[in-house]
């Protein structure tokens, strides 16, 4: 059970963002149960650690059992990554937290779309992306950003038909 509690705690620290530091007695009974292993040392934790644990425990309590199991599995995979990959992942998680809610929604939508592709299609896209130089990647991101802005402006302009129901990214890739 201690290993489970440890995994839960570390997982909570990784998934949390900012919250005002919480005094132990201001945590709900459920949060205190999840974080029980920290009660004696709570006041010795930094404000940031307290904030992350409090927020993470709130999120943990909202998850159902299958979601908790998936989260623990993800964390176990995370622990097995080499340190440079873990650091890069942590940086990307922080960058994601800094996005606006709308940008986060868009990222989730894109990920769902990517995950809906066949394994072969996903692999081809990964290989294609990995073979790009940094400059080519930067230009591709700029091109996608520009296309999204154009699509938004066409959708917001009355009397315009938008993109004609076609995906501009697909149009571009078909022209190649």
C-alpha atoms as a PDB file:
ATOM      1  CA  UNK A   1       0.000   0.000   0.000  1.00  0.00           C
ATOM      2  CA  UNK A   2       2.901   2.396   0.673  1.00  0.00           C
ATOM      3  CA  UNK A   3       4.129   2.054  -2.899  1.00  0.00           C
ATOM      4  CA  UNK A   4       0.610   2.799  -4.147  1.00  0.00           C
ATOM      5  CA  UNK A   5       0.392   5.907  -1.936  1.00  0.00           C
ATOM      6  CA  UNK A   6       3.824   6.982  -3.156  1.00  0.00           C
ATOM      7  CA  UNK A   7       2.789   6.593  -6.786  1.00  0.00           C
ATOM      8  CA  UNK A   8      -0.431   8.505  -6.175  1.00  0.00           C
ATOM      9  CA  UNK A   9       1.443  11.317  -4.475  1.00  0.00           C
ATOM     10  CA  UNK A  10       4.080  11.647  -7.179  1.00  0.00           C
ATOM     11  CA  UNK A  11       1.379  11.500  -9.844  1.00  0.00           C
ATOM     12  CA  UNK A  12      -0.514  14.262  -8.072  1.00  0.00           C
ATOM     13  CA  UNK A  13       2.562  16.466  -7.951  1.00  0.00           C
ATOM     14  CA  UNK A  14       3.097  16.000 -11.693  1.00  0.00           C
ATOM     15  CA  UNK A  15      -0.476  16.805 -12.736  1.00  0.00           C
ATOM     16  CA  UNK A  16      -1.103  19.842 -10.579  1.00  0.00           C
ATOM     17  CA  UNK A  17      -0.761  23.492 -11.305  1.00  0.00           C
ATOM     18  CA  UNK A  18      -0.991  26.538  -9.111  1.00  0.00           C
ATOM     19  CA  UNK A  19      -3.246  27.017  -6.110  1.00  0.00           C
ATOM     20  CA  UNK A  20      -2.766  29.027  -2.958  1.00  0.00           C
ATOM     21  CA  UNK A  21      -0.905  27.120  -0.280  1.00  0.00           C
ATOM     22  CA  UNK A  22      -3.325  25.101   1.779  1.00  0.00           C
ATOM     23  CA  UNK A  23      -3.059  24.620   5.495  1.00  0.00           C
ATOM     24  CA  UNK A  24      -3.577  20.985   6.418  1.00  0.00           C
ATOM     25  CA  UNK A  25      -6.787  21.743   8.320  1.00  0.00           C
ATOM     26  CA  UNK A  26      -8.283  23.544   5.306  1.00  0.00           C
ATOM     27  CA  UNK A  27      -8.076  20.396   3.170  1.00  0.00           C
ATOM     28  CA  UNK A  28     -11.227  18.305   2.882  1.00  0.00           C
ATOM     29  CA  UNK A  29     -11.350  14.977   4.706  1.00  0.00           C
ATOM     30  CA  UNK A  30     -11.008  13.191   1.371  1.00  0.00           C
ATOM     31  CA  UNK A  31      -7.930  15.247   0.435  1.00  0.00           C
ATOM     32  CA  UNK A  32      -6.409  14.554   3.829  1.00  0.00           C
ATOM     33  CA  UNK A  33      -6.974  10.829   3.296  1.00  0.00           C
ATOM     34  CA  UNK A  34      -5.242  10.927  -0.101  1.00  0.00           C
ATOM     35  CA  UNK A  35      -2.347  12.958   1.346  1.00  0.00           C
ATOM     36  CA  UNK A  36      -2.214  11.282   4.777  1.00  0.00           C
ATOM     37  CA  UNK A  37       1.457  10.358   4.356  1.00  0.00           C
ATOM     38  CA  UNK A  38       2.322  14.068   4.294  1.00  0.00           C
ATOM     39  CA  UNK A  39       0.403  15.181   7.384  1.00  0.00           C
ATOM     40  CA  UNK A  40       3.333  15.147   9.809  1.00  0.00           C
ATOM     41  CA  UNK A  41       5.629  17.031   7.414  1.00  0.00           C
ATOM     42  CA  UNK A  42       3.005  19.264   5.765  1.00  0.00           C
ATOM     43  CA  UNK A  43       4.309  22.466   7.357  1.00  0.00           C
ATOM     44  CA  UNK A  44       7.843  21.609   6.195  1.00  0.00           C
ATOM     45  CA  UNK A  45       6.769  21.402   2.549  1.00  0.00           C
ATOM     46  CA  UNK A  46       7.260  24.467   0.406  1.00  0.00           C
ATOM     47  CA  UNK A  47       4.218  26.522  -0.469  1.00  0.00           C
ATOM     48  CA  UNK A  48       4.497  25.310  -4.064  1.00  0.00           C
ATOM     49  CA  UNK A  49       4.561  21.666  -2.971  1.00  0.00           C
ATOM     50  CA  UNK A  50       1.502  22.187  -0.763  1.00  0.00           C
ATOM     51  CA  UNK A  51      -0.330  23.928  -3.599  1.00  0.00           C
ATOM     52  CA  UNK A  52       0.444  21.165  -6.076  1.00  0.00           C
ATOM     53  CA  UNK A  53      -0.478  18.377  -3.706  1.00  0.00           C
ATOM     54  CA  UNK A  54      -3.754  20.089  -2.724  1.00  0.00           C
ATOM     55  CA  UNK A  55      -4.761  20.679  -6.322  1.00  0.00           C
ATOM     56  CA  UNK A  56      -3.663  17.218  -7.384  1.00  0.00           C
ATOM     57  CA  UNK A  57      -5.657  15.599  -4.607  1.00  0.00           C
ATOM     58  CA  UNK A  58      -8.765  17.484  -5.775  1.00  0.00           C
ATOM     59  CA  UNK A  59      -8.256  16.184  -9.291  1.00  0.00           C
ATOM     60  CA  UNK A  60      -7.507  12.653  -8.053  1.00  0.00           C
ATOM     61  CA  UNK A  61     -10.775  12.583  -6.128  1.00  0.00           C
ATOM     62  CA  UNK A  62     -12.741  13.458  -9.275  1.00  0.00           C
ATOM     63  CA  UNK A  63     -11.298  10.510 -11.204  1.00  0.00           C
ATOM     64  CA  UNK A  64     -13.050   7.157 -11.392  1.00  0.00           C
ATOM     65  CA  UNK A  65     -11.104   3.933 -10.807  1.00  0.00           C
ATOM     66  CA  UNK A  66     -10.219   3.252 -14.475  1.00  0.00           C
ATOM     67  CA  UNK A  67      -8.931   6.825 -14.827  1.00  0.00           C
ATOM     68  CA  UNK A  68      -6.836   6.438 -11.677  1.00  0.00           C
ATOM     69  CA  UNK A  69      -5.384   3.189 -12.987  1.00  0.00           C
ATOM     70  CA  UNK A  70      -4.490   4.817 -16.328  1.00  0.00           C
ATOM     71  CA  UNK A  71      -2.867   7.714 -14.509  1.00  0.00           C
ATOM     72  CA  UNK A  72      -0.797   5.379 -12.358  1.00  0.00           C
ATOM     73  CA  UNK A  73       0.260   3.429 -15.448  1.00  0.00           C
ATOM     74  CA  UNK A  74       1.306   6.651 -17.158  1.00  0.00           C
ATOM     75  CA  UNK A  75       3.302   7.654 -14.127  1.00  0.00           C
ATOM     76  CA  UNK A  76       5.048   4.285 -13.997  1.00  0.00           C
ATOM     77  CA  UNK A  77       5.986   4.693 -17.675  1.00  0.00           C
ATOM     78  CA  UNK A  78       7.161   8.231 -16.899  1.00  0.00           C
ATOM     79  CA  UNK A  79       9.439   6.916 -14.148  1.00  0.00           C
ATOM     80  CA  UNK A  80      11.027   4.491 -16.598  1.00  0.00           C
ATOM     81  CA  UNK A  81      11.969   7.245 -19.062  1.00  0.00           C
ATOM     82  CA  UNK A  82      15.569   8.470 -19.162  1.00  0.00           C
ATOM     83  CA  UNK A  83      16.079  11.705 -17.237  1.00  0.00           C
ATOM     84  CA  UNK A  84      16.432  13.938 -20.357  1.00  0.00           C
ATOM     85  CA  UNK A  85      13.094  12.685 -21.701  1.00  0.00           C
ATOM     86  CA  UNK A  86      11.411  13.240 -18.317  1.00  0.00           C
ATOM     87  CA  UNK A  87      12.755  16.794 -18.172  1.00  0.00           C
ATOM     88  CA  UNK A  88      11.550  17.506 -21.718  1.00  0.00           C
ATOM     89  CA  UNK A  89       8.120  16.081 -20.888  1.00  0.00           C
ATOM     90  CA  UNK A  90       7.912  18.203 -17.736  1.00  0.00           C
ATOM     91  CA  UNK A  91       8.792  21.313 -19.756  1.00  0.00           C
ATOM     92  CA  UNK A  92       6.090  20.493 -22.297  1.00  0.00           C
ATOM     93  CA  UNK A  93       3.552  19.918 -19.533  1.00  0.00           C
ATOM     94  CA  UNK A  94       4.422  23.332 -18.107  1.00  0.00           C
ATOM     95  CA  UNK A  95       4.082  24.924 -21.552  1.00  0.00           C
ATOM     96  CA  UNK A  96       0.672  23.275 -21.925  1.00  0.00           C
ATOM     97  CA  UNK A  97      -0.443  24.673 -18.548  1.00  0.00           C
ATOM     98  CA  UNK A  98       0.552  28.148 -19.727  1.00  0.00           C
ATOM     99  CA  UNK A  99      -1.736  27.945 -22.781  1.00  0.00           C
ATOM    100  CA  UNK A 100      -5.151  29.550 -22.675  1.00  0.00           C
ATOM    101  CA  UNK A 101      -8.110  27.208 -22.096  1.00  0.00           C
ATOM    102  CA  UNK A 102      -9.019  27.559 -25.786  1.00  0.00           C
ATOM    103  CA  UNK A 103      -5.500  26.633 -26.885  1.00  0.00           C
ATOM    104  CA  UNK A 104      -5.536  23.648 -24.515  1.00  0.00           C
ATOM    105  CA  UNK A 105      -8.859  22.541 -26.018  1.00  0.00           C
ATOM    106  CA  UNK A 106      -7.407  22.800 -29.511  1.00  0.00           C
ATOM    107  CA  UNK A 107      -4.370  20.750 -28.494  1.00  0.00           C
ATOM    108  CA  UNK A 108      -6.601  18.038 -27.025  1.00  0.00           C
ATOM    109  CA  UNK A 109      -8.702  17.986 -30.197  1.00  0.00           C
ATOM    110  CA  UNK A 110      -5.602  17.597 -32.353  1.00  0.00           C
ATOM    111  CA  UNK A 111      -4.329  14.802 -30.143  1.00  0.00           C
ATOM    112  CA  UNK A 112      -7.655  12.994 -30.397  1.00  0.00           C
ATOM    113  CA  UNK A 113      -7.562  13.387 -34.176  1.00  0.00           C
ATOM    114  CA  UNK A 114      -3.993  12.060 -34.276  1.00  0.00           C
ATOM    115  CA  UNK A 115      -4.899   9.112 -32.041  1.00  0.00           C
ATOM    116  CA  UNK A 116      -7.837   8.258 -34.307  1.00  0.00           C
ATOM    117  CA  UNK A 117      -5.416   7.590 -37.195  1.00  0.00           C
ATOM    118  CA  UNK A 118      -4.250   4.068 -37.896  1.00  0.00           C
ATOM    119  CA  UNK A 119      -0.921   3.061 -36.341  1.00  0.00           C
ATOM    120  CA  UNK A 120       0.661   3.117 -39.809  1.00  0.00           C
ATOM    121  CA  UNK A 121      -0.582   6.653 -40.487  1.00  0.00           C
ATOM    122  CA  UNK A 122       0.670   7.856 -37.100  1.00  0.00           C
ATOM    123  CA  UNK A 123       4.062   6.275 -37.723  1.00  0.00           C
ATOM    124  CA  UNK A 124       4.324   7.900 -41.169  1.00  0.00           C
ATOM    125  CA  UNK A 125       3.511  11.302 -39.675  1.00  0.00           C
ATOM    126  CA  UNK A 126       6.066  10.836 -36.876  1.00  0.00           C
ATOM    127  CA  UNK A 127       8.758   9.833 -39.357  1.00  0.00           C
ATOM    128  CA  UNK A 128       7.905  12.702 -41.654  1.00  0.00           C
ATOM    129  CA  UNK A 129       8.062  15.188 -38.779  1.00  0.00           C
ATOM    130  CA  UNK A 130      11.303  13.754 -37.391  1.00  0.00           C
ATOM    131  CA  UNK A 131      12.959  14.048 -40.794  1.00  0.00           C
ATOM    132  CA  UNK A 132      12.274  17.790 -40.953  1.00  0.00           C
ATOM    133  CA  UNK A 133      15.023  20.226 -40.058  1.00  0.00           C
ATOM    134  CA  UNK A 134      14.373  22.741 -37.269  1.00  0.00           C
ATOM    135  CA  UNK A 135      13.851  25.432 -39.899  1.00  0.00           C
ATOM    136  CA  UNK A 136      11.339  23.296 -41.811  1.00  0.00           C
ATOM    137  CA  UNK A 137       9.452  22.579 -38.584  1.00  0.00           C
ATOM    138  CA  UNK A 138       9.347  26.271 -37.711  1.00  0.00           C
ATOM    139  CA  UNK A 139       8.012  27.142 -41.184  1.00  0.00           C
ATOM    140  CA  UNK A 140       5.410  24.358 -41.004  1.00  0.00           C
ATOM    141  CA  UNK A 141       4.164  25.637 -37.624  1.00  0.00           C
ATOM    142  CA  UNK A 142       4.025  29.192 -38.959  1.00  0.00           C
ATOM    143  CA  UNK A 143       2.116  28.011 -42.039  1.00  0.00           C
ATOM    144  CA  UNK A 144      -0.401  26.119 -39.881  1.00  0.00           C
ATOM    145  CA  UNK A 145      -0.828  29.127 -37.592  1.00  0.00           C
ATOM    146  CA  UNK A 146      -1.440  31.367 -40.605  1.00  0.00           C
ATOM    147  CA  UNK A 147      -3.953  28.919 -42.088  1.00  0.00           C
ATOM    148  CA  UNK A 148      -5.855  28.742 -38.784  1.00  0.00           C
ATOM    149  CA  UNK A 149      -5.998  32.528 -38.590  1.00  0.00           C
ATOM    150  CA  UNK A 150      -7.248  32.726 -42.185  1.00  0.00           C
ATOM    151  CA  UNK A 151      -9.903  30.100 -41.462  1.00  0.00           C
ATOM    152  CA  UNK A 152     -11.065  32.001 -38.380  1.00  0.00           C
ATOM    153  CA  UNK A 153     -11.309  35.282 -40.256  1.00  0.00           C
ATOM    154  CA  UNK A 154     -13.276  33.624 -43.101  1.00  0.00           C
ATOM    155  CA  UNK A 155     -15.637  31.988 -40.610  1.00  0.00           C
ATOM    156  CA  UNK A 156     -16.210  35.301 -38.845  1.00  0.00           C
ATOM    157  CA  UNK A 157     -16.785  37.283 -42.059  1.00  0.00           C
ATOM    158  CA  UNK A 158     -20.525  37.354 -42.937  1.00  0.00           C
ATOM    159  CA  UNK A 159     -21.398  36.144 -46.425  1.00  0.00           C
ATOM    160  CA  UNK A 160     -18.144  34.257 -46.929  1.00  0.00           C
ATOM    161  CA  UNK A 161     -18.182  30.543 -47.435  1.00  0.00           C
ATOM    162  CA  UNK A 162     -15.159  29.785 -45.276  1.00  0.00           C
ATOM    163  CA  UNK A 163     -12.871  27.151 -46.706  1.00  0.00           C
ATOM    164  CA  UNK A 164     -15.524  25.491 -48.833  1.00  0.00           C
ATOM    165  CA  UNK A 165     -15.759  22.574 -46.425  1.00  0.00           C
ATOM    166  CA  UNK A 166     -12.223  21.408 -47.208  1.00  0.00           C
ATOM    167  CA  UNK A 167      -9.370  21.161 -44.790  1.00  0.00           C
ATOM    168  CA  UNK A 168      -6.744  23.738 -45.899  1.00  0.00           C
ATOM    169  CA  UNK A 169      -3.963  21.549 -44.516  1.00  0.00           C
ATOM    170  CA  UNK A 170      -5.193  18.674 -46.688  1.00  0.00           C
ATOM    171  CA  UNK A 171      -5.441  21.035 -49.671  1.00  0.00           C
ATOM    172  CA  UNK A 172      -1.834  22.058 -49.115  1.00  0.00           C
ATOM    173  CA  UNK A 173      -0.571  18.494 -48.770  1.00  0.00           C
ATOM    174  CA  UNK A 174      -2.502  17.397 -51.868  1.00  0.00           C
ATOM    175  CA  UNK A 175      -0.837  20.149 -53.908  1.00  0.00           C
ATOM    176  CA  UNK A 176       2.610  18.668 -53.182  1.00  0.00           C
END
